Amino acid sequence: VDGNKISLKSCHGKYVSAQPNGDMQVNRDKNQGWEYFTVHPAFNVQVVQKVEKVSAHDLIFNTKNITLVGWHKRFVNATPEGCRNDETQHSASCNIQVEVIKS
């Protein structure tokens, strides 16, 4: 975690990256630009308006409900086909519930 930016690493040691076409890939050996995501509060108008300067750590470990914005300034969203990084609007389909797993 770096401020409000995080990277996501798979159990296979590869990083998730957001592609310009909206695809998300899990095949990177290093976390650089496309492998960072900015953490925001989950979609809820009251929370979005009241919480502006909350750290990624607090959002992940305290609220456990977040949204992520990829390198290309698009929200990550869950679809029946899998995760995409192509939403330009902050909506409920972009909400991610975090489960912290201790290693």
C-alpha atoms as a PDB file:
ATOM      1  CA  VAL A   1       0.000   0.000   0.000  1.00  0.00           C
ATOM      2  CA  ASP A   2       1.361   3.401  -0.999  1.00  0.00           C
ATOM      3  CA  GLY A   3      -0.949   6.229   0.127  1.00  0.00           C
ATOM      4  CA  ASN A   4      -4.197   5.402  -1.663  1.00  0.00           C
ATOM      5  CA  LYS A   5      -2.528   3.179  -4.263  1.00  0.00           C
ATOM      6  CA  ILE A   6      -2.278  -0.593  -4.016  1.00  0.00           C
ATOM      7  CA  SER A   7      -1.124  -3.433  -6.208  1.00  0.00           C
ATOM      8  CA  LEU A   8      -2.753  -6.861  -6.269  1.00  0.00           C
ATOM      9  CA  LYS A   9      -0.568  -9.973  -6.297  1.00  0.00           C
ATOM     10  CA  SER A  10      -1.969 -13.422  -7.051  1.00  0.00           C
ATOM     11  CA  CYS A  11      -1.198 -16.617  -5.177  1.00  0.00           C
ATOM     12  CA  HIS A  12       1.060 -17.465  -8.158  1.00  0.00           C
ATOM     13  CA  GLY A  13       3.241 -14.404  -7.550  1.00  0.00           C
ATOM     14  CA  LYS A  14       1.933 -12.402 -10.533  1.00  0.00           C
ATOM     15  CA  TYR A  15       0.508  -8.873 -10.372  1.00  0.00           C
ATOM     16  CA  VAL A  16      -2.883  -7.769 -11.737  1.00  0.00           C
ATOM     17  CA  SER A  17      -2.701  -5.104 -14.451  1.00  0.00           C
ATOM     18  CA  ALA A  18      -5.366  -2.900 -16.036  1.00  0.00           C
ATOM     19  CA  GLN A  19      -5.152  -2.834 -19.830  1.00  0.00           C
ATOM     20  CA  PRO A  20      -6.160   0.107 -22.059  1.00  0.00           C
ATOM     21  CA  ASN A  21      -8.996  -1.955 -23.618  1.00  0.00           C
ATOM     22  CA  GLY A  22     -10.556  -2.662 -20.184  1.00  0.00           C
ATOM     23  CA  ASP A  23      -9.136  -6.165 -19.785  1.00  0.00           C
ATOM     24  CA  MET A  24      -7.482  -7.138 -16.535  1.00  0.00           C
ATOM     25  CA  GLN A  25      -4.531  -9.504 -16.696  1.00  0.00           C
ATOM     26  CA  VAL A  26      -2.711 -11.395 -13.960  1.00  0.00           C
ATOM     27  CA  ASN A  27       0.653 -11.992 -15.614  1.00  0.00           C
ATOM     28  CA  ARG A  28       3.087  -9.287 -14.507  1.00  0.00           C
ATOM     29  CA  ASP A  29       6.304 -10.012 -12.642  1.00  0.00           C
ATOM     30  CA  LYS A  30       6.675  -6.422 -11.369  1.00  0.00           C
ATOM     31  CA  ASN A  31       4.218  -3.827 -10.118  1.00  0.00           C
ATOM     32  CA  GLN A  32       4.661  -0.670 -12.161  1.00  0.00           C
ATOM     33  CA  GLY A  33       2.142   1.851 -13.596  1.00  0.00           C
ATOM     34  CA  TRP A  34      -0.593  -0.391 -14.974  1.00  0.00           C
ATOM     35  CA  GLU A  35      -0.355  -2.647 -11.912  1.00  0.00           C
ATOM     36  CA  TYR A  36      -1.377   0.057  -9.419  1.00  0.00           C
ATOM     37  CA  PHE A  37      -4.964   0.812  -8.429  1.00  0.00           C
ATOM     38  CA  THR A  38      -6.258   3.802  -6.475  1.00  0.00           C
ATOM     39  CA  VAL A  39      -8.549   2.879  -3.573  1.00  0.00           C
ATOM     40  CA  HIS A  40     -11.812   4.809  -3.109  1.00  0.00           C
ATOM     41  CA  PRO A  41     -14.780   4.294  -0.762  1.00  0.00           C
ATOM     42  CA  ALA A  42     -17.458   1.907  -2.021  1.00  0.00           C
ATOM     43  CA  PHE A  43     -20.282   3.491  -3.990  1.00  0.00           C
ATOM     44  CA  ASN A  44     -22.572   5.233  -1.540  1.00  0.00           C
ATOM     45  CA  VAL A  45     -23.394   8.878  -2.165  1.00  0.00           C
ATOM     46  CA  GLN A  46     -23.220   9.816   1.528  1.00  0.00           C
ATOM     47  CA  VAL A  47     -19.813   8.170   2.015  1.00  0.00           C
ATOM     48  CA  VAL A  48     -18.370   9.589  -1.199  1.00  0.00           C
ATOM     49  CA  GLN A  49     -19.427  13.105  -0.219  1.00  0.00           C
ATOM     50  CA  LYS A  50     -18.211  12.898   3.392  1.00  0.00           C
ATOM     51  CA  VAL A  51     -14.986  10.912   3.008  1.00  0.00           C
ATOM     52  CA  GLU A  52     -12.384  12.542   0.848  1.00  0.00           C
ATOM     53  CA  LYS A  53      -9.031  11.990   2.564  1.00  0.00           C
ATOM     54  CA  VAL A  54      -9.177   8.471   3.978  1.00  0.00           C
ATOM     55  CA  SER A  55      -6.133   6.240   3.538  1.00  0.00           C
ATOM     56  CA  ALA A  56      -6.257   3.019   1.533  1.00  0.00           C
ATOM     57  CA  HIS A  57      -5.270   1.154   4.689  1.00  0.00           C
ATOM     58  CA  ASP A  58      -8.289   2.509   6.602  1.00  0.00           C
ATOM     59  CA  LEU A  59     -10.675   1.788   3.734  1.00  0.00           C
ATOM     60  CA  ILE A  60      -9.409  -1.773   3.299  1.00  0.00           C
ATOM     61  CA  PHE A  61      -9.023  -2.793   6.931  1.00  0.00           C
ATOM     62  CA  ASN A  62     -11.838  -0.787   8.550  1.00  0.00           C
ATOM     63  CA  THR A  63     -14.674  -0.479   6.028  1.00  0.00           C
ATOM     64  CA  LYS A  64     -13.785  -3.582   3.977  1.00  0.00           C
ATOM     65  CA  ASN A  65     -15.826  -2.115   1.095  1.00  0.00           C
ATOM     66  CA  ILE A  66     -13.963  -0.259  -1.643  1.00  0.00           C
ATOM     67  CA  THR A  67     -13.848   0.615  -5.305  1.00  0.00           C
ATOM     68  CA  LEU A  68     -10.665   0.579  -7.389  1.00  0.00           C
ATOM     69  CA  VAL A  69      -9.599   2.889 -10.192  1.00  0.00           C
ATOM     70  CA  GLY A  70      -6.963   1.585 -12.596  1.00  0.00           C
ATOM     71  CA  TRP A  71      -4.100   3.340 -14.344  1.00  0.00           C
ATOM     72  CA  HIS A  72      -6.384   4.421 -17.196  1.00  0.00           C
ATOM     73  CA  LYS A  73      -8.753   6.288 -14.821  1.00  0.00           C
ATOM     74  CA  ARG A  74     -11.542   3.709 -15.078  1.00  0.00           C
ATOM     75  CA  PHE A  75     -13.314   1.864 -12.281  1.00  0.00           C
ATOM     76  CA  VAL A  76     -12.855  -1.875 -11.866  1.00  0.00           C
ATOM     77  CA  ASN A  77     -16.206  -3.640 -12.043  1.00  0.00           C
ATOM     78  CA  ALA A  78     -17.405  -7.201 -11.701  1.00  0.00           C
ATOM     79  CA  THR A  79     -19.277  -8.753 -14.604  1.00  0.00           C
ATOM     80  CA  PRO A  80     -20.584 -12.304 -15.103  1.00  0.00           C
ATOM     81  CA  GLU A  81     -17.581 -12.827 -17.405  1.00  0.00           C
ATOM     82  CA  GLY A  82     -15.057 -11.623 -14.789  1.00  0.00           C
ATOM     83  CA  CYS A  83     -13.439  -8.373 -13.713  1.00  0.00           C
ATOM     84  CA  ARG A  84     -13.137  -5.474 -16.130  1.00  0.00           C
ATOM     85  CA  ASN A  85     -11.495  -2.072 -15.863  1.00  0.00           C
ATOM     86  CA  ASP A  86     -13.784  -0.140 -18.178  1.00  0.00           C
ATOM     87  CA  GLU A  87     -16.370   1.739 -16.114  1.00  0.00           C
ATOM     88  CA  THR A  88     -16.179   5.514 -16.376  1.00  0.00           C
ATOM     89  CA  GLN A  89     -18.932   6.040 -13.793  1.00  0.00           C
ATOM     90  CA  HIS A  90     -18.773   5.171 -10.094  1.00  0.00           C
ATOM     91  CA  SER A  91     -21.660   2.733  -9.507  1.00  0.00           C
ATOM     92  CA  ALA A  92     -22.708  -0.152  -7.276  1.00  0.00           C
ATOM     93  CA  SER A  93     -21.328  -2.691  -9.793  1.00  0.00           C
ATOM     94  CA  CYS A  94     -17.873  -1.317  -8.960  1.00  0.00           C
ATOM     95  CA  ASN A  95     -18.085  -2.150  -5.227  1.00  0.00           C
ATOM     96  CA  ILE A  96     -15.563  -4.692  -3.954  1.00  0.00           C
ATOM     97  CA  GLN A  97     -15.841  -6.393  -0.586  1.00  0.00           C
ATOM     98  CA  VAL A  98     -12.387  -6.979   0.867  1.00  0.00           C
ATOM     99  CA  GLU A  99     -11.472 -10.145   2.706  1.00  0.00           C
ATOM    100  CA  VAL A 100      -8.130  -9.800   4.475  1.00  0.00           C
ATOM    101  CA  ILE A 101      -6.267 -13.105   4.614  1.00  0.00           C
ATOM    102  CA  LYS A 102      -3.396 -13.375   7.045  1.00  0.00           C
ATOM    103  CA  SER A 103      -0.438 -15.307   5.679  1.00  0.00           C
END
